[in-house]
């Protein structure tokens, strides 16, 4: 049996889960998320937890068992606490700022880059070099952070660019002069 799938998902106070056919709707203080439930997986929603069970022991059903439990746990955590990713802008003259709801990035190009965050995502900038992406959907928070990082990935010689906070960039040695 799946070690992840057999663990129950605990529901904190204020989180409500309803099952509508092939999807589970998780509602909480921070928002509402829909989580797909594949064939062969059944949900038993109790007062303070959700228990998942599978119909058979086929490889695909076993894989979906753990996956569905992980997606439900991420949805419950998202609507109760939220998710956060942090990025650092590193480089001389590189900076970030908010203009209204748009993120303005100056990353060494001849023009500034404007990024409009999707609905449900909140952007914050501290000290012109630290960007915080927050929201209740884990997948969307990670995708927005990856999109911002993609504008100027950190390069291996000086490490300039947009990187995740705490990310280790493998540095290369430059040319050796004679």
N, C-alpha and C. Protein backbone atom coordinates (compact mmCIF):
# COMPACT_ATOMS: atom_id res chain seq x y z
N UNK A 1 0.84 -1.18 0.00
CA UNK A 1 0.00 0.00 0.00
C UNK A 1 0.88 1.24 0.00
N UNK A 2 0.40 2.28 -0.64
CA UNK A 2 1.15 3.52 -0.71
C UNK A 2 1.35 4.10 0.68
N UNK A 3 2.60 4.40 1.02
CA UNK A 3 2.86 4.95 2.34
C UNK A 3 2.33 6.37 2.47
N UNK A 4 2.37 7.12 1.39
CA UNK A 4 1.83 8.48 1.43
C UNK A 4 0.31 8.43 1.37
N UNK A 5 -0.24 7.58 0.50
CA UNK A 5 -1.68 7.53 0.30
C UNK A 5 -2.47 7.06 1.50
N UNK A 6 -1.88 6.25 2.34
CA UNK A 6 -2.65 5.73 3.47
C UNK A 6 -2.68 6.68 4.66
N UNK A 7 -1.86 7.74 4.63
CA UNK A 7 -1.90 8.73 5.71
C UNK A 7 -3.15 9.61 5.53
N UNK A 8 -3.90 9.86 6.59
CA UNK A 8 -5.06 10.75 6.44
C UNK A 8 -4.62 12.21 6.32
N UNK A 9 -5.41 13.00 5.62
CA UNK A 9 -5.17 14.44 5.49
C UNK A 9 -5.94 15.11 6.61
N UNK A 10 -5.23 15.75 7.53
CA UNK A 10 -5.91 16.41 8.65
C UNK A 10 -6.44 17.76 8.20
N UNK A 11 -7.64 18.07 8.61
CA UNK A 11 -8.28 19.33 8.24
C UNK A 11 -8.21 20.31 9.41
N UNK A 12 -7.56 21.46 9.24
CA UNK A 12 -7.57 22.46 10.30
C UNK A 12 -8.94 23.12 10.41
N UNK A 13 -9.15 23.87 11.48
CA UNK A 13 -10.44 24.55 11.67
C UNK A 13 -10.66 25.56 10.56
N UNK A 14 -11.87 25.63 10.06
CA UNK A 14 -12.21 26.59 9.01
C UNK A 14 -12.05 26.05 7.61
N UNK A 15 -11.59 24.82 7.45
CA UNK A 15 -11.42 24.23 6.12
C UNK A 15 -12.54 23.21 5.90
N UNK A 16 -13.21 23.35 4.74
CA UNK A 16 -14.34 22.48 4.43
C UNK A 16 -14.06 21.79 3.09
N UNK A 17 -14.32 20.48 3.02
CA UNK A 17 -14.08 19.71 1.80
C UNK A 17 -15.40 19.07 1.37
N UNK A 18 -15.73 19.25 0.09
CA UNK A 18 -16.90 18.58 -0.49
C UNK A 18 -16.45 17.83 -1.73
N UNK A 19 -17.05 16.66 -1.95
CA UNK A 19 -16.70 15.84 -3.11
C UNK A 19 -17.84 15.93 -4.12
N UNK A 20 -17.52 16.39 -5.33
CA UNK A 20 -18.48 16.50 -6.42
C UNK A 20 -18.04 15.59 -7.56
N UNK A 21 -18.48 14.35 -7.56
CA UNK A 21 -18.11 13.42 -8.63
C UNK A 21 -16.62 13.16 -8.66
N UNK A 22 -15.96 13.65 -9.72
CA UNK A 22 -14.54 13.36 -9.91
C UNK A 22 -13.64 14.50 -9.44
N UNK A 23 -14.13 15.36 -8.55
CA UNK A 23 -13.27 16.40 -8.00
C UNK A 23 -13.66 16.73 -6.57
N UNK A 24 -12.68 17.14 -5.80
CA UNK A 24 -12.89 17.56 -4.42
C UNK A 24 -12.68 19.06 -4.36
N UNK A 25 -13.61 19.77 -3.72
CA UNK A 25 -13.52 21.21 -3.59
C UNK A 25 -13.12 21.53 -2.15
N UNK A 26 -12.00 22.22 -2.00
CA UNK A 26 -11.46 22.57 -0.69
C UNK A 26 -11.65 24.07 -0.50
N UNK A 27 -12.36 24.46 0.56
CA UNK A 27 -12.62 25.87 0.84
C UNK A 27 -12.05 26.22 2.19
N UNK A 28 -11.45 27.42 2.27
CA UNK A 28 -10.87 27.88 3.52
C UNK A 28 -10.83 29.38 3.57
N UNK A 29 -10.10 29.92 4.53
CA UNK A 29 -10.03 31.35 4.74
C UNK A 29 -9.35 32.08 3.58
N UNK A 30 -8.38 31.46 2.93
CA UNK A 30 -7.63 32.12 1.87
C UNK A 30 -8.19 31.92 0.48
N UNK A 31 -9.17 31.02 0.32
CA UNK A 31 -9.74 30.82 -1.01
C UNK A 31 -10.35 29.45 -1.18
N UNK A 32 -10.52 29.09 -2.46
CA UNK A 32 -11.18 27.84 -2.82
C UNK A 32 -10.37 27.17 -3.93
N UNK A 33 -10.12 25.88 -3.78
CA UNK A 33 -9.36 25.12 -4.77
C UNK A 33 -10.10 23.84 -5.14
N UNK A 34 -9.97 23.43 -6.40
CA UNK A 34 -10.55 22.17 -6.86
C UNK A 34 -9.41 21.18 -7.10
N UNK A 35 -9.60 19.96 -6.62
CA UNK A 35 -8.59 18.92 -6.74
C UNK A 35 -9.20 17.73 -7.46
N UNK A 36 -8.64 17.27 -8.58
CA UNK A 36 -9.22 16.13 -9.29
C UNK A 36 -9.05 14.82 -8.50
N UNK A 37 -10.06 13.97 -8.60
CA UNK A 37 -10.01 12.65 -7.97
C UNK A 37 -10.13 11.61 -9.09
N UNK A 38 -9.06 10.87 -9.42
CA UNK A 38 -9.10 9.91 -10.53
C UNK A 38 -9.97 8.69 -10.21
N UNK A 39 -10.28 7.93 -11.27
CA UNK A 39 -11.06 6.69 -11.09
C UNK A 39 -10.27 5.72 -10.23
N UNK A 40 -10.97 4.99 -9.39
CA UNK A 40 -10.32 4.00 -8.54
C UNK A 40 -9.92 4.53 -7.18
N UNK A 41 -10.04 5.84 -6.96
CA UNK A 41 -9.70 6.45 -5.68
C UNK A 41 -10.99 6.98 -5.06
N UNK A 42 -11.24 6.62 -3.81
CA UNK A 42 -12.44 7.11 -3.11
C UNK A 42 -12.02 7.92 -1.89
N UNK A 43 -12.79 8.96 -1.60
CA UNK A 43 -12.51 9.83 -0.46
C UNK A 43 -13.57 9.62 0.61
N UNK A 44 -13.13 9.53 1.85
CA UNK A 44 -14.03 9.47 2.99
C UNK A 44 -13.77 10.71 3.83
N UNK A 45 -14.65 11.72 3.69
CA UNK A 45 -14.48 12.98 4.40
C UNK A 45 -15.11 12.85 5.78
N UNK A 46 -14.28 13.01 6.81
CA UNK A 46 -14.76 12.94 8.19
C UNK A 46 -14.71 14.34 8.78
N UNK A 47 -15.01 14.48 10.05
CA UNK A 47 -15.08 15.79 10.68
C UNK A 47 -13.75 16.54 10.65
N UNK A 48 -12.65 15.83 10.93
CA UNK A 48 -11.36 16.51 11.01
C UNK A 48 -10.30 15.92 10.10
N UNK A 49 -10.67 15.03 9.19
CA UNK A 49 -9.67 14.43 8.29
C UNK A 49 -10.33 13.86 7.04
N UNK A 50 -9.48 13.54 6.06
CA UNK A 50 -9.90 12.88 4.83
C UNK A 50 -9.08 11.61 4.72
N UNK A 51 -9.75 10.48 4.49
CA UNK A 51 -9.07 9.21 4.32
C UNK A 51 -9.27 8.76 2.88
N UNK A 52 -8.19 8.41 2.20
CA UNK A 52 -8.26 7.96 0.81
C UNK A 52 -8.13 6.45 0.76
N UNK A 53 -8.88 5.85 -0.15
CA UNK A 53 -8.80 4.39 -0.37
C UNK A 53 -8.79 4.14 -1.86
N UNK A 54 -8.18 3.02 -2.27
CA UNK A 54 -8.14 2.69 -3.69
C UNK A 54 -8.90 1.39 -3.94
N UNK A 55 -9.40 1.26 -5.16
CA UNK A 55 -10.26 0.12 -5.50
C UNK A 55 -9.45 -1.14 -5.77
N UNK A 56 -8.25 -1.02 -6.36
CA UNK A 56 -7.47 -2.21 -6.73
C UNK A 56 -5.99 -1.93 -6.55
N UNK A 57 -5.17 -2.92 -6.88
CA UNK A 57 -3.72 -2.78 -6.70
C UNK A 57 -2.97 -2.65 -8.02
N UNK A 58 -3.62 -2.11 -9.05
CA UNK A 58 -2.91 -1.87 -10.32
C UNK A 58 -1.88 -0.77 -10.10
N UNK A 59 -0.84 -0.78 -10.92
CA UNK A 59 0.26 0.19 -10.76
C UNK A 59 -0.25 1.62 -10.91
N UNK A 60 -1.10 1.86 -11.89
CA UNK A 60 -1.61 3.21 -12.12
C UNK A 60 -2.45 3.70 -10.94
N UNK A 61 -3.28 2.84 -10.39
CA UNK A 61 -4.12 3.21 -9.25
C UNK A 61 -3.27 3.46 -8.01
N UNK A 62 -2.23 2.66 -7.82
CA UNK A 62 -1.32 2.88 -6.69
C UNK A 62 -0.63 4.23 -6.81
N UNK A 63 -0.23 4.57 -8.03
CA UNK A 63 0.43 5.86 -8.25
C UNK A 63 -0.53 7.02 -7.98
N UNK A 64 -1.77 6.88 -8.46
CA UNK A 64 -2.76 7.93 -8.24
C UNK A 64 -3.14 8.07 -6.77
N UNK A 65 -3.01 7.00 -6.00
CA UNK A 65 -3.36 7.02 -4.58
C UNK A 65 -2.51 8.04 -3.84
N UNK A 66 -1.20 7.93 -3.98
CA UNK A 66 -0.29 8.87 -3.33
C UNK A 66 -0.38 10.26 -3.91
N UNK A 67 -0.54 10.35 -5.23
CA UNK A 67 -0.62 11.66 -5.89
C UNK A 67 -1.85 12.43 -5.41
N UNK A 68 -2.99 11.77 -5.36
CA UNK A 68 -4.22 12.44 -4.96
C UNK A 68 -4.13 12.93 -3.52
N UNK A 69 -3.52 12.11 -2.64
CA UNK A 69 -3.36 12.52 -1.25
C UNK A 69 -2.44 13.74 -1.15
N UNK A 70 -1.37 13.77 -1.92
CA UNK A 70 -0.44 14.90 -1.89
C UNK A 70 -1.11 16.17 -2.42
N UNK A 71 -1.89 16.04 -3.49
CA UNK A 71 -2.59 17.21 -4.04
C UNK A 71 -3.62 17.75 -3.06
N UNK A 72 -4.34 16.85 -2.38
CA UNK A 72 -5.31 17.28 -1.37
C UNK A 72 -4.62 17.98 -0.20
N UNK A 73 -3.50 17.43 0.25
CA UNK A 73 -2.76 18.05 1.35
C UNK A 73 -2.27 19.44 0.96
N UNK A 74 -1.77 19.60 -0.28
CA UNK A 74 -1.32 20.91 -0.74
C UNK A 74 -2.47 21.90 -0.82
N UNK A 75 -3.65 21.44 -1.25
CA UNK A 75 -4.82 22.31 -1.32
C UNK A 75 -5.26 22.74 0.08
N UNK A 76 -5.27 21.81 1.02
CA UNK A 76 -5.67 22.13 2.40
C UNK A 76 -4.69 23.13 3.01
N UNK A 77 -3.41 22.91 2.83
CA UNK A 77 -2.40 23.84 3.34
C UNK A 77 -2.53 25.20 2.67
N UNK A 78 -2.81 25.22 1.38
CA UNK A 78 -2.93 26.48 0.65
C UNK A 78 -4.09 27.32 1.11
N UNK A 79 -5.26 26.73 1.33
CA UNK A 79 -6.42 27.53 1.73
C UNK A 79 -6.39 27.89 3.21
N UNK A 80 -5.55 27.22 4.00
CA UNK A 80 -5.47 27.57 5.42
C UNK A 80 -4.27 28.48 5.72
N UNK A 81 -3.10 28.16 5.20
CA UNK A 81 -1.89 28.94 5.49
C UNK A 81 -1.38 29.72 4.29
N UNK A 82 -1.47 29.17 3.10
CA UNK A 82 -0.94 29.80 1.90
C UNK A 82 0.46 29.30 1.58
N UNK A 83 0.93 29.62 0.38
CA UNK A 83 2.26 29.20 -0.08
C UNK A 83 3.07 30.44 -0.42
N UNK A 84 4.39 30.32 -0.31
CA UNK A 84 5.28 31.47 -0.55
C UNK A 84 6.56 31.01 -1.21
N UNK A 85 7.02 31.77 -2.20
CA UNK A 85 8.33 31.57 -2.82
C UNK A 85 9.04 32.91 -2.79
N UNK A 86 10.34 32.89 -2.56
CA UNK A 86 11.12 34.11 -2.49
C UNK A 86 12.22 34.08 -3.54
N UNK A 87 12.44 35.23 -4.18
CA UNK A 87 13.44 35.38 -5.23
C UNK A 87 14.36 36.54 -4.88
N UNK A 88 15.62 36.45 -5.28
CA UNK A 88 16.59 37.53 -5.11
C UNK A 88 17.07 37.98 -6.47
N UNK A 89 17.18 39.30 -6.63
CA UNK A 89 17.71 39.90 -7.86
C UNK A 89 19.14 40.30 -7.55
N UNK A 90 20.11 39.69 -8.27
CA UNK A 90 21.53 39.90 -7.98
C UNK A 90 22.21 40.46 -9.23
N UNK A 91 22.91 41.57 -9.06
CA UNK A 91 23.66 42.18 -10.16
C UNK A 91 23.68 43.69 -10.00
N UNK A 92 24.73 44.31 -10.46
CA UNK A 92 24.86 45.76 -10.37
C UNK A 92 23.82 46.39 -11.29
N UNK A 93 22.97 47.26 -10.73
CA UNK A 93 21.95 47.93 -11.51
C UNK A 93 20.68 47.11 -11.71
N UNK A 94 20.68 45.88 -11.27
CA UNK A 94 19.48 45.04 -11.38
C UNK A 94 18.55 45.37 -10.22
N UNK A 95 17.29 45.63 -10.52
CA UNK A 95 16.35 45.93 -9.44
C UNK A 95 14.93 45.60 -9.84
N UNK A 96 14.09 45.50 -8.82
CA UNK A 96 12.67 45.21 -9.01
C UNK A 96 11.86 46.22 -8.23
N UNK A 97 10.67 46.53 -8.74
CA UNK A 97 9.76 47.44 -8.04
C UNK A 97 8.34 47.13 -8.47
N UNK A 98 7.39 47.58 -7.67
CA UNK A 98 5.98 47.40 -8.00
C UNK A 98 5.42 48.72 -8.49
N UNK A 99 4.75 48.68 -9.63
CA UNK A 99 4.03 49.84 -10.15
C UNK A 99 2.57 49.45 -10.24
N UNK A 100 1.81 49.82 -9.22
CA UNK A 100 0.43 49.36 -9.14
C UNK A 100 0.44 47.88 -8.80
N UNK A 101 -0.16 47.07 -9.66
CA UNK A 101 -0.15 45.62 -9.43
C UNK A 101 0.88 44.92 -10.32
N UNK A 102 1.60 45.69 -11.14
CA UNK A 102 2.60 45.10 -12.04
C UNK A 102 3.98 45.14 -11.41
N UNK A 103 4.75 44.09 -11.69
CA UNK A 103 6.12 44.01 -11.24
C UNK A 103 7.02 44.56 -12.35
N UNK A 104 7.85 45.54 -12.01
CA UNK A 104 8.77 46.13 -12.98
C UNK A 104 10.17 45.62 -12.66
N UNK A 105 10.80 44.97 -13.62
CA UNK A 105 12.14 44.41 -13.45
C UNK A 105 13.11 45.12 -14.38
N UNK A 106 14.23 45.56 -13.83
CA UNK A 106 15.32 46.12 -14.63
C UNK A 106 16.49 45.16 -14.48
N UNK A 107 16.75 44.38 -15.54
CA UNK A 107 17.69 43.28 -15.46
C UNK A 107 18.83 43.38 -16.47
N UNK A 108 19.23 44.60 -16.80
CA UNK A 108 20.36 44.77 -17.69
C UNK A 108 20.01 44.80 -19.16
N UNK A 109 18.73 44.70 -19.48
CA UNK A 109 18.30 44.81 -20.87
C UNK A 109 18.13 46.30 -21.21
N UNK A 110 17.90 46.60 -22.48
CA UNK A 110 17.73 47.99 -22.89
C UNK A 110 16.37 48.54 -22.50
N UNK A 111 15.51 47.70 -21.95
CA UNK A 111 14.15 48.11 -21.58
C UNK A 111 13.76 47.43 -20.27
N UNK A 112 12.85 48.04 -19.52
CA UNK A 112 12.36 47.35 -18.33
C UNK A 112 11.35 46.27 -18.71
N UNK A 113 11.22 45.26 -17.86
CA UNK A 113 10.28 44.16 -18.09
C UNK A 113 9.14 44.32 -17.10
N UNK A 114 7.91 44.30 -17.61
CA UNK A 114 6.73 44.39 -16.75
C UNK A 114 6.07 43.03 -16.69
N UNK A 115 5.75 42.59 -15.48
CA UNK A 115 5.09 41.29 -15.29
C UNK A 115 3.81 41.51 -14.50
N UNK A 116 2.68 41.10 -15.07
CA UNK A 116 1.40 41.22 -14.41
C UNK A 116 1.05 39.85 -13.81
N UNK A 117 0.93 39.79 -12.50
CA UNK A 117 0.68 38.53 -11.81
C UNK A 117 -0.75 38.06 -12.06
N UNK A 118 -0.97 36.76 -12.20
CA UNK A 118 -2.33 36.24 -12.38
C UNK A 118 -3.17 36.43 -11.12
N UNK A 119 -4.47 36.25 -11.29
CA UNK A 119 -5.39 36.41 -10.16
C UNK A 119 -5.09 35.36 -9.09
N UNK A 120 -5.10 35.79 -7.83
CA UNK A 120 -4.82 34.88 -6.73
C UNK A 120 -3.37 34.91 -6.27
N UNK A 121 -2.53 35.69 -6.95
CA UNK A 121 -1.11 35.78 -6.60
C UNK A 121 -0.81 37.20 -6.13
N UNK A 122 -0.08 37.30 -5.03
CA UNK A 122 0.32 38.60 -4.50
C UNK A 122 1.84 38.71 -4.58
N UNK A 123 2.31 39.82 -5.13
CA UNK A 123 3.75 40.07 -5.23
C UNK A 123 4.13 41.17 -4.26
N UNK A 124 5.30 41.03 -3.63
CA UNK A 124 5.84 42.05 -2.74
C UNK A 124 7.32 42.20 -3.03
N UNK A 125 7.82 43.44 -2.96
CA UNK A 125 9.24 43.72 -3.21
C UNK A 125 9.82 44.43 -2.00
N UNK A 126 10.96 43.92 -1.50
CA UNK A 126 11.65 44.54 -0.38
C UNK A 126 13.06 44.91 -0.82
N UNK A 127 13.49 46.11 -0.50
CA UNK A 127 14.85 46.59 -0.76
C UNK A 127 15.24 46.54 -2.23
N UNK A 128 14.31 46.56 -3.14
CA UNK A 128 14.54 46.55 -4.59
C UNK A 128 15.21 45.29 -5.12
N UNK A 129 15.54 44.33 -4.24
CA UNK A 129 16.22 43.13 -4.72
C UNK A 129 15.60 41.84 -4.22
N UNK A 130 14.56 41.91 -3.42
CA UNK A 130 13.95 40.69 -2.86
C UNK A 130 12.46 40.67 -3.23
N UNK A 131 12.06 39.63 -3.98
CA UNK A 131 10.68 39.51 -4.44
C UNK A 131 10.04 38.34 -3.69
N UNK A 132 8.82 38.55 -3.17
CA UNK A 132 8.07 37.49 -2.49
C UNK A 132 6.79 37.23 -3.27
N UNK A 133 6.58 35.97 -3.66
CA UNK A 133 5.38 35.55 -4.39
C UNK A 133 4.55 34.73 -3.42
N UNK A 134 3.30 35.15 -3.15
CA UNK A 134 2.43 34.41 -2.24
C UNK A 134 1.09 34.15 -2.90
N UNK A 135 0.44 33.06 -2.47
CA UNK A 135 -0.87 32.69 -2.97
C UNK A 135 -1.34 31.41 -2.32
N UNK A 136 -2.56 30.98 -2.67
CA UNK A 136 -3.10 29.77 -2.05
C UNK A 136 -2.94 28.53 -2.93
N UNK A 137 -2.62 28.69 -4.21
CA UNK A 137 -2.43 27.57 -5.12
C UNK A 137 -0.93 27.31 -5.28
N UNK A 138 -0.46 26.17 -4.78
CA UNK A 138 0.98 25.88 -4.79
C UNK A 138 1.55 25.83 -6.20
N UNK A 139 0.83 25.22 -7.12
CA UNK A 139 1.32 25.11 -8.49
C UNK A 139 1.46 26.49 -9.13
N UNK A 140 0.49 27.36 -8.90
CA UNK A 140 0.51 28.70 -9.50
C UNK A 140 1.61 29.56 -8.89
N UNK A 141 1.84 29.45 -7.59
CA UNK A 141 2.92 30.20 -6.94
C UNK A 141 4.27 29.78 -7.53
N UNK A 142 4.49 28.48 -7.69
CA UNK A 142 5.74 28.00 -8.27
C UNK A 142 5.91 28.40 -9.72
N UNK A 143 4.82 28.40 -10.48
CA UNK A 143 4.89 28.78 -11.89
C UNK A 143 5.21 30.27 -12.05
N UNK A 144 4.60 31.12 -11.23
CA UNK A 144 4.88 32.56 -11.29
C UNK A 144 6.33 32.83 -10.92
N UNK A 145 6.83 32.17 -9.87
CA UNK A 145 8.23 32.35 -9.47
C UNK A 145 9.17 31.89 -10.59
N UNK A 146 8.83 30.78 -11.25
CA UNK A 146 9.67 30.29 -12.36
C UNK A 146 9.61 31.24 -13.55
N UNK A 147 8.44 31.83 -13.82
CA UNK A 147 8.32 32.79 -14.92
C UNK A 147 9.17 34.03 -14.67
N UNK A 148 9.17 34.53 -13.43
CA UNK A 148 9.98 35.71 -13.09
C UNK A 148 11.46 35.37 -13.20
N UNK A 149 11.85 34.20 -12.73
CA UNK A 149 13.26 33.77 -12.79
C UNK A 149 13.72 33.63 -14.24
N UNK A 150 12.80 33.24 -15.12
CA UNK A 150 13.15 32.98 -16.52
C UNK A 150 13.57 34.25 -17.27
N UNK A 151 13.17 35.44 -16.78
CA UNK A 151 13.54 36.68 -17.46
C UNK A 151 15.05 36.88 -17.50
N UNK A 152 15.76 36.46 -16.44
CA UNK A 152 17.23 36.51 -16.43
C UNK A 152 17.72 35.46 -15.45
N UNK A 153 17.98 34.27 -15.98
CA UNK A 153 18.47 33.18 -15.12
C UNK A 153 19.86 33.53 -14.61
N UNK A 154 20.23 33.04 -13.43
CA UNK A 154 21.56 33.33 -12.91
C UNK A 154 22.64 32.68 -13.78
N UNK A 155 23.64 33.47 -14.12
CA UNK A 155 24.69 32.94 -14.98
C UNK A 155 25.84 32.42 -14.12
N UNK A 156 26.63 31.46 -14.63
CA UNK A 156 27.59 30.74 -13.79
C UNK A 156 28.90 31.47 -13.51
N UNK A 157 29.18 32.59 -14.18
CA UNK A 157 30.48 33.25 -14.00
C UNK A 157 30.46 34.26 -12.85
N UNK A 158 29.48 35.15 -12.84
CA UNK A 158 29.38 36.13 -11.75
C UNK A 158 28.16 35.90 -10.88
N UNK A 159 27.24 35.04 -11.31
CA UNK A 159 26.04 34.76 -10.53
C UNK A 159 24.95 35.80 -10.67
N UNK A 160 25.07 36.69 -11.67
CA UNK A 160 24.07 37.74 -11.85
C UNK A 160 22.78 37.17 -12.42
N UNK A 161 21.65 37.70 -11.98
CA UNK A 161 20.36 37.27 -12.48
C UNK A 161 19.33 37.16 -11.35
N UNK A 162 18.23 36.50 -11.65
CA UNK A 162 17.17 36.29 -10.66
C UNK A 162 17.26 34.85 -10.19
N UNK A 163 17.40 34.66 -8.88
CA UNK A 163 17.51 33.31 -8.34
C UNK A 163 16.61 33.16 -7.13
N UNK A 164 16.26 31.90 -6.82
CA UNK A 164 15.48 31.63 -5.62
C UNK A 164 16.34 31.93 -4.40
N UNK A 165 15.72 32.40 -3.33
CA UNK A 165 16.45 32.65 -2.10
C UNK A 165 17.01 31.33 -1.57
N UNK A 166 18.29 31.29 -1.33
CA UNK A 166 18.94 30.08 -0.84
C UNK A 166 19.43 29.16 -1.94
N UNK A 167 19.15 29.47 -3.21
CA UNK A 167 19.60 28.63 -4.32
C UNK A 167 21.12 28.73 -4.45
N UNK A 168 21.76 27.61 -4.67
CA UNK A 168 23.20 27.59 -4.83
C UNK A 168 23.52 27.52 -6.32
N UNK A 169 24.24 28.52 -6.80
CA UNK A 169 24.62 28.58 -8.21
C UNK A 169 26.04 28.04 -8.34
N UNK A 170 26.20 27.00 -9.16
CA UNK A 170 27.55 26.45 -9.38
C UNK A 170 28.33 27.42 -10.24
N UNK A 171 29.46 27.87 -9.71
CA UNK A 171 30.25 28.89 -10.38
C UNK A 171 31.34 28.24 -11.21
N UNK A 172 31.62 28.85 -12.37
CA UNK A 172 32.70 28.40 -13.23
C UNK A 172 33.88 29.35 -13.11
N UNK A 173 35.04 28.85 -13.37
CA UNK A 173 36.23 29.71 -13.41
C UNK A 173 36.25 30.44 -14.73
N UNK A 174 36.63 31.69 -14.70
CA UNK A 174 36.72 32.48 -15.93
C UNK A 174 37.98 32.15 -16.70
N UNK A 175 38.27 32.99 -17.68
CA UNK A 175 39.50 32.79 -18.47
C UNK A 175 40.71 33.05 -17.58
N UNK A 176 41.79 32.36 -17.87
CA UNK A 176 43.04 32.63 -17.16
C UNK A 176 43.90 33.50 -18.04
N UNK A 177 44.30 34.63 -17.51
CA UNK A 177 45.13 35.57 -18.29
C UNK A 177 46.59 35.24 -18.17
N UNK A 178 47.39 35.55 -19.23
CA UNK A 178 48.82 35.29 -19.18
C UNK A 178 49.59 36.58 -19.00
